[in-house]
Amino acid sequence: MVTVAYDKRFEQGIKKIKDQGLKEKVKKQIKKIVENPETGKPMRFIRKDTREVYVPPFRLSYAYLKEEDKIIFLELYHKDEQ
């Protein structure tokens, strides 16, 4: 069973979203990631060992620690603020 943790920046990003439809899309992506943690695009360079999923217009960044079987949701940020 995969353990899930949330970073403080991720929780703050979720709280800022007012649109309920967008929140539902984010929840669906989180469920997909929990079911298959390697579904996101692997990042390179400074963001190595993290993955991202695109939820228009945001990106959901997370880390999957395979040895610990743990997912840490790091950040939900706008694509233009990268």
N, C-alpha and C. Protein backbone atom coordinates (compact mmCIF):
# COMPACT_ATOMS: atom_id res chain seq x y z
N MET A 1 0.84 -1.19 0.00
CA MET A 1 0.00 0.00 0.00
C MET A 1 0.88 1.24 0.00
N VAL A 2 0.57 2.15 -0.87
CA VAL A 2 1.35 3.38 -1.03
C VAL A 2 0.97 4.36 0.09
N THR A 3 1.99 4.95 0.71
CA THR A 3 1.78 5.98 1.72
C THR A 3 1.79 7.33 1.01
N VAL A 4 0.88 8.22 1.39
CA VAL A 4 0.77 9.53 0.75
C VAL A 4 1.04 10.62 1.78
N ALA A 5 1.87 11.60 1.38
CA ALA A 5 2.15 12.76 2.23
C ALA A 5 2.01 14.03 1.39
N TYR A 6 1.69 15.13 2.06
CA TYR A 6 1.49 16.40 1.37
C TYR A 6 2.44 17.45 1.94
N ASP A 7 3.17 18.13 1.07
CA ASP A 7 4.03 19.23 1.47
C ASP A 7 3.18 20.46 1.77
N LYS A 8 3.71 21.36 2.57
CA LYS A 8 2.98 22.57 2.94
C LYS A 8 2.65 23.43 1.71
N ARG A 9 3.58 23.51 0.76
CA ARG A 9 3.35 24.31 -0.46
C ARG A 9 2.20 23.73 -1.27
N PHE A 10 2.09 22.39 -1.29
CA PHE A 10 1.00 21.75 -2.03
C PHE A 10 -0.34 22.10 -1.39
N GLU A 11 -0.41 22.00 -0.07
CA GLU A 11 -1.66 22.31 0.63
C GLU A 11 -2.07 23.76 0.42
N GLN A 12 -1.10 24.68 0.42
CA GLN A 12 -1.40 26.09 0.18
C GLN A 12 -1.91 26.30 -1.24
N GLY A 13 -1.33 25.60 -2.21
CA GLY A 13 -1.77 25.70 -3.59
C GLY A 13 -3.19 25.23 -3.78
N ILE A 14 -3.55 24.16 -3.10
CA ILE A 14 -4.92 23.63 -3.18
C ILE A 14 -5.91 24.62 -2.57
N LYS A 15 -5.55 25.22 -1.46
CA LYS A 15 -6.46 26.17 -0.79
C LYS A 15 -6.75 27.39 -1.65
N LYS A 16 -5.81 27.78 -2.51
CA LYS A 16 -5.98 28.96 -3.35
C LYS A 16 -6.98 28.74 -4.48
N ILE A 17 -7.23 27.50 -4.84
CA ILE A 17 -8.14 27.20 -5.95
C ILE A 17 -9.58 27.40 -5.50
N LYS A 18 -10.28 28.28 -6.19
CA LYS A 18 -11.69 28.56 -5.88
C LYS A 18 -12.65 27.76 -6.76
N ASP A 19 -12.21 27.41 -7.96
CA ASP A 19 -13.05 26.71 -8.93
C ASP A 19 -13.22 25.25 -8.52
N GLN A 20 -14.45 24.83 -8.23
CA GLN A 20 -14.71 23.46 -7.79
C GLN A 20 -14.44 22.44 -8.89
N GLY A 21 -14.69 22.82 -10.13
CA GLY A 21 -14.41 21.91 -11.25
C GLY A 21 -12.93 21.59 -11.34
N LEU A 22 -12.09 22.60 -11.16
CA LEU A 22 -10.65 22.41 -11.20
C LEU A 22 -10.19 21.55 -10.01
N LYS A 23 -10.79 21.77 -8.85
CA LYS A 23 -10.44 20.96 -7.68
C LYS A 23 -10.75 19.48 -7.93
N GLU A 24 -11.86 19.21 -8.60
CA GLU A 24 -12.23 17.83 -8.92
C GLU A 24 -11.22 17.21 -9.88
N LYS A 25 -10.75 17.99 -10.86
CA LYS A 25 -9.73 17.48 -11.79
C LYS A 25 -8.44 17.13 -11.05
N VAL A 26 -8.07 17.98 -10.09
CA VAL A 26 -6.86 17.72 -9.31
C VAL A 26 -7.04 16.45 -8.48
N LYS A 27 -8.21 16.28 -7.88
CA LYS A 27 -8.48 15.07 -7.08
C LYS A 27 -8.40 13.81 -7.95
N LYS A 28 -8.93 13.89 -9.18
CA LYS A 28 -8.87 12.74 -10.08
C LYS A 28 -7.43 12.39 -10.42
N GLN A 29 -6.61 13.43 -10.66
CA GLN A 29 -5.19 13.18 -10.96
C GLN A 29 -4.48 12.56 -9.77
N ILE A 30 -4.81 13.02 -8.56
CA ILE A 30 -4.19 12.46 -7.36
C ILE A 30 -4.55 10.98 -7.24
N LYS A 31 -5.80 10.63 -7.50
CA LYS A 31 -6.22 9.22 -7.45
C LYS A 31 -5.46 8.39 -8.48
N LYS A 32 -5.28 8.93 -9.70
CA LYS A 32 -4.53 8.22 -10.73
C LYS A 32 -3.08 8.00 -10.31
N ILE A 33 -2.49 9.03 -9.69
CA ILE A 33 -1.10 8.92 -9.25
C ILE A 33 -0.97 7.88 -8.15
N VAL A 34 -1.90 7.84 -7.23
CA VAL A 34 -1.85 6.86 -6.13
C VAL A 34 -1.98 5.45 -6.69
N GLU A 35 -2.82 5.27 -7.71
CA GLU A 35 -2.98 3.95 -8.32
C GLU A 35 -1.75 3.54 -9.11
N ASN A 36 -1.13 4.49 -9.82
CA ASN A 36 0.06 4.21 -10.62
C ASN A 36 1.05 5.36 -10.44
N PRO A 37 1.95 5.27 -9.45
CA PRO A 37 2.84 6.38 -9.12
C PRO A 37 3.81 6.79 -10.23
N GLU A 38 4.06 5.94 -11.19
CA GLU A 38 5.00 6.27 -12.24
C GLU A 38 4.31 6.85 -13.48
N THR A 39 3.10 7.35 -13.31
CA THR A 39 2.33 7.87 -14.43
C THR A 39 2.80 9.24 -14.90
N GLY A 40 3.38 10.05 -14.03
CA GLY A 40 3.78 11.41 -14.38
C GLY A 40 5.07 11.46 -15.18
N LYS A 41 5.31 12.62 -15.75
CA LYS A 41 6.52 12.84 -16.55
C LYS A 41 7.72 13.01 -15.62
N PRO A 42 8.77 12.20 -15.78
CA PRO A 42 9.96 12.36 -14.94
C PRO A 42 10.69 13.67 -15.27
N MET A 43 11.07 14.38 -14.25
CA MET A 43 11.77 15.65 -14.42
C MET A 43 13.28 15.43 -14.47
N ARG A 44 14.00 16.43 -15.00
CA ARG A 44 15.45 16.33 -15.14
C ARG A 44 16.13 17.50 -14.43
N PHE A 45 17.45 17.42 -14.40
CA PHE A 45 18.30 18.47 -13.86
C PHE A 45 17.98 18.76 -12.40
N ILE A 46 17.61 19.99 -12.06
CA ILE A 46 17.42 20.37 -10.67
C ILE A 46 16.20 19.69 -10.04
N ARG A 47 15.24 19.28 -10.86
CA ARG A 47 14.04 18.62 -10.37
C ARG A 47 14.13 17.10 -10.49
N LYS A 48 15.32 16.59 -10.59
CA LYS A 48 15.51 15.15 -10.73
C LYS A 48 14.86 14.41 -9.56
N ASP A 49 14.38 13.21 -9.82
CA ASP A 49 13.68 12.36 -8.85
C ASP A 49 12.29 12.86 -8.51
N THR A 50 11.76 13.79 -9.28
CA THR A 50 10.37 14.20 -9.12
C THR A 50 9.63 13.95 -10.43
N ARG A 51 8.33 13.98 -10.35
CA ARG A 51 7.49 13.78 -11.53
C ARG A 51 6.42 14.86 -11.56
N GLU A 52 5.86 15.11 -12.73
CA GLU A 52 4.82 16.11 -12.88
C GLU A 52 3.68 15.60 -13.74
N VAL A 53 2.49 16.07 -13.39
CA VAL A 53 1.29 15.79 -14.17
C VAL A 53 0.68 17.15 -14.49
N TYR A 54 0.23 17.31 -15.72
CA TYR A 54 -0.36 18.57 -16.17
C TYR A 54 -1.86 18.55 -15.95
N VAL A 55 -2.34 19.51 -15.15
CA VAL A 55 -3.77 19.71 -14.93
C VAL A 55 -4.04 21.15 -15.36
N PRO A 56 -4.45 21.36 -16.61
CA PRO A 56 -4.53 22.71 -17.15
C PRO A 56 -5.23 23.70 -16.22
N PRO A 57 -4.67 24.86 -15.96
CA PRO A 57 -3.39 25.43 -16.36
C PRO A 57 -2.29 25.20 -15.32
N PHE A 58 -2.45 24.21 -14.45
CA PHE A 58 -1.50 23.96 -13.38
C PHE A 58 -0.66 22.71 -13.63
N ARG A 59 0.41 22.61 -12.86
CA ARG A 59 1.23 21.41 -12.85
C ARG A 59 1.28 20.88 -11.43
N LEU A 60 1.10 19.60 -11.30
CA LEU A 60 1.13 18.95 -10.01
C LEU A 60 2.46 18.20 -9.91
N SER A 61 3.28 18.64 -8.99
CA SER A 61 4.62 18.06 -8.83
C SER A 61 4.62 17.11 -7.64
N TYR A 62 5.21 15.92 -7.82
CA TYR A 62 5.28 14.96 -6.74
C TYR A 62 6.55 14.13 -6.84
N ALA A 63 6.90 13.52 -5.73
CA ALA A 63 8.05 12.63 -5.68
C ALA A 63 7.56 11.25 -5.28
N TYR A 64 8.06 10.24 -5.98
CA TYR A 64 7.72 8.85 -5.66
C TYR A 64 8.98 8.17 -5.15
N LEU A 65 8.95 7.80 -3.88
CA LEU A 65 10.07 7.10 -3.26
C LEU A 65 9.78 5.61 -3.33
N LYS A 66 10.36 4.97 -4.33
CA LYS A 66 10.06 3.57 -4.61
C LYS A 66 10.44 2.64 -3.46
N GLU A 67 11.61 2.90 -2.84
CA GLU A 67 12.08 2.02 -1.76
C GLU A 67 11.14 2.04 -0.56
N GLU A 68 10.59 3.24 -0.25
CA GLU A 68 9.69 3.39 0.89
C GLU A 68 8.23 3.20 0.51
N ASP A 69 7.96 3.08 -0.80
CA ASP A 69 6.60 2.99 -1.32
C ASP A 69 5.77 4.18 -0.82
N LYS A 70 6.29 5.38 -1.09
CA LYS A 70 5.69 6.60 -0.58
C LYS A 70 5.61 7.65 -1.68
N ILE A 71 4.51 8.39 -1.71
CA ILE A 71 4.31 9.50 -2.64
C ILE A 71 4.22 10.78 -1.81
N ILE A 72 5.01 11.78 -2.20
CA ILE A 72 4.95 13.08 -1.54
C ILE A 72 4.53 14.10 -2.59
N PHE A 73 3.35 14.67 -2.39
CA PHE A 73 2.88 15.72 -3.31
C PHE A 73 3.57 17.01 -2.90
N LEU A 74 4.38 17.56 -3.81
CA LEU A 74 5.25 18.69 -3.48
C LEU A 74 4.61 20.05 -3.71
N GLU A 75 4.03 20.23 -4.89
CA GLU A 75 3.56 21.58 -5.22
C GLU A 75 2.53 21.53 -6.34
N LEU A 76 1.62 22.46 -6.29
CA LEU A 76 0.66 22.70 -7.37
C LEU A 76 0.88 24.15 -7.79
N TYR A 77 1.42 24.35 -8.99
CA TYR A 77 1.77 25.70 -9.40
C TYR A 77 1.29 25.96 -10.81
N HIS A 78 1.16 27.26 -11.11
CA HIS A 78 0.71 27.67 -12.43
C HIS A 78 1.84 27.47 -13.43
N LYS A 79 1.50 27.05 -14.62
CA LYS A 79 2.50 26.75 -15.66
C LYS A 79 3.41 27.94 -15.95
N ASP A 80 2.86 29.16 -15.93
CA ASP A 80 3.66 30.34 -16.26
C ASP A 80 4.57 30.79 -15.12
N GLU A 81 4.39 30.27 -13.91
CA GLU A 81 5.21 30.65 -12.76
C GLU A 81 6.37 29.70 -12.54
N GLN A 82 6.68 28.89 -13.48
CA GLN A 82 7.73 27.86 -13.36
C GLN A 82 9.08 28.46 -13.20
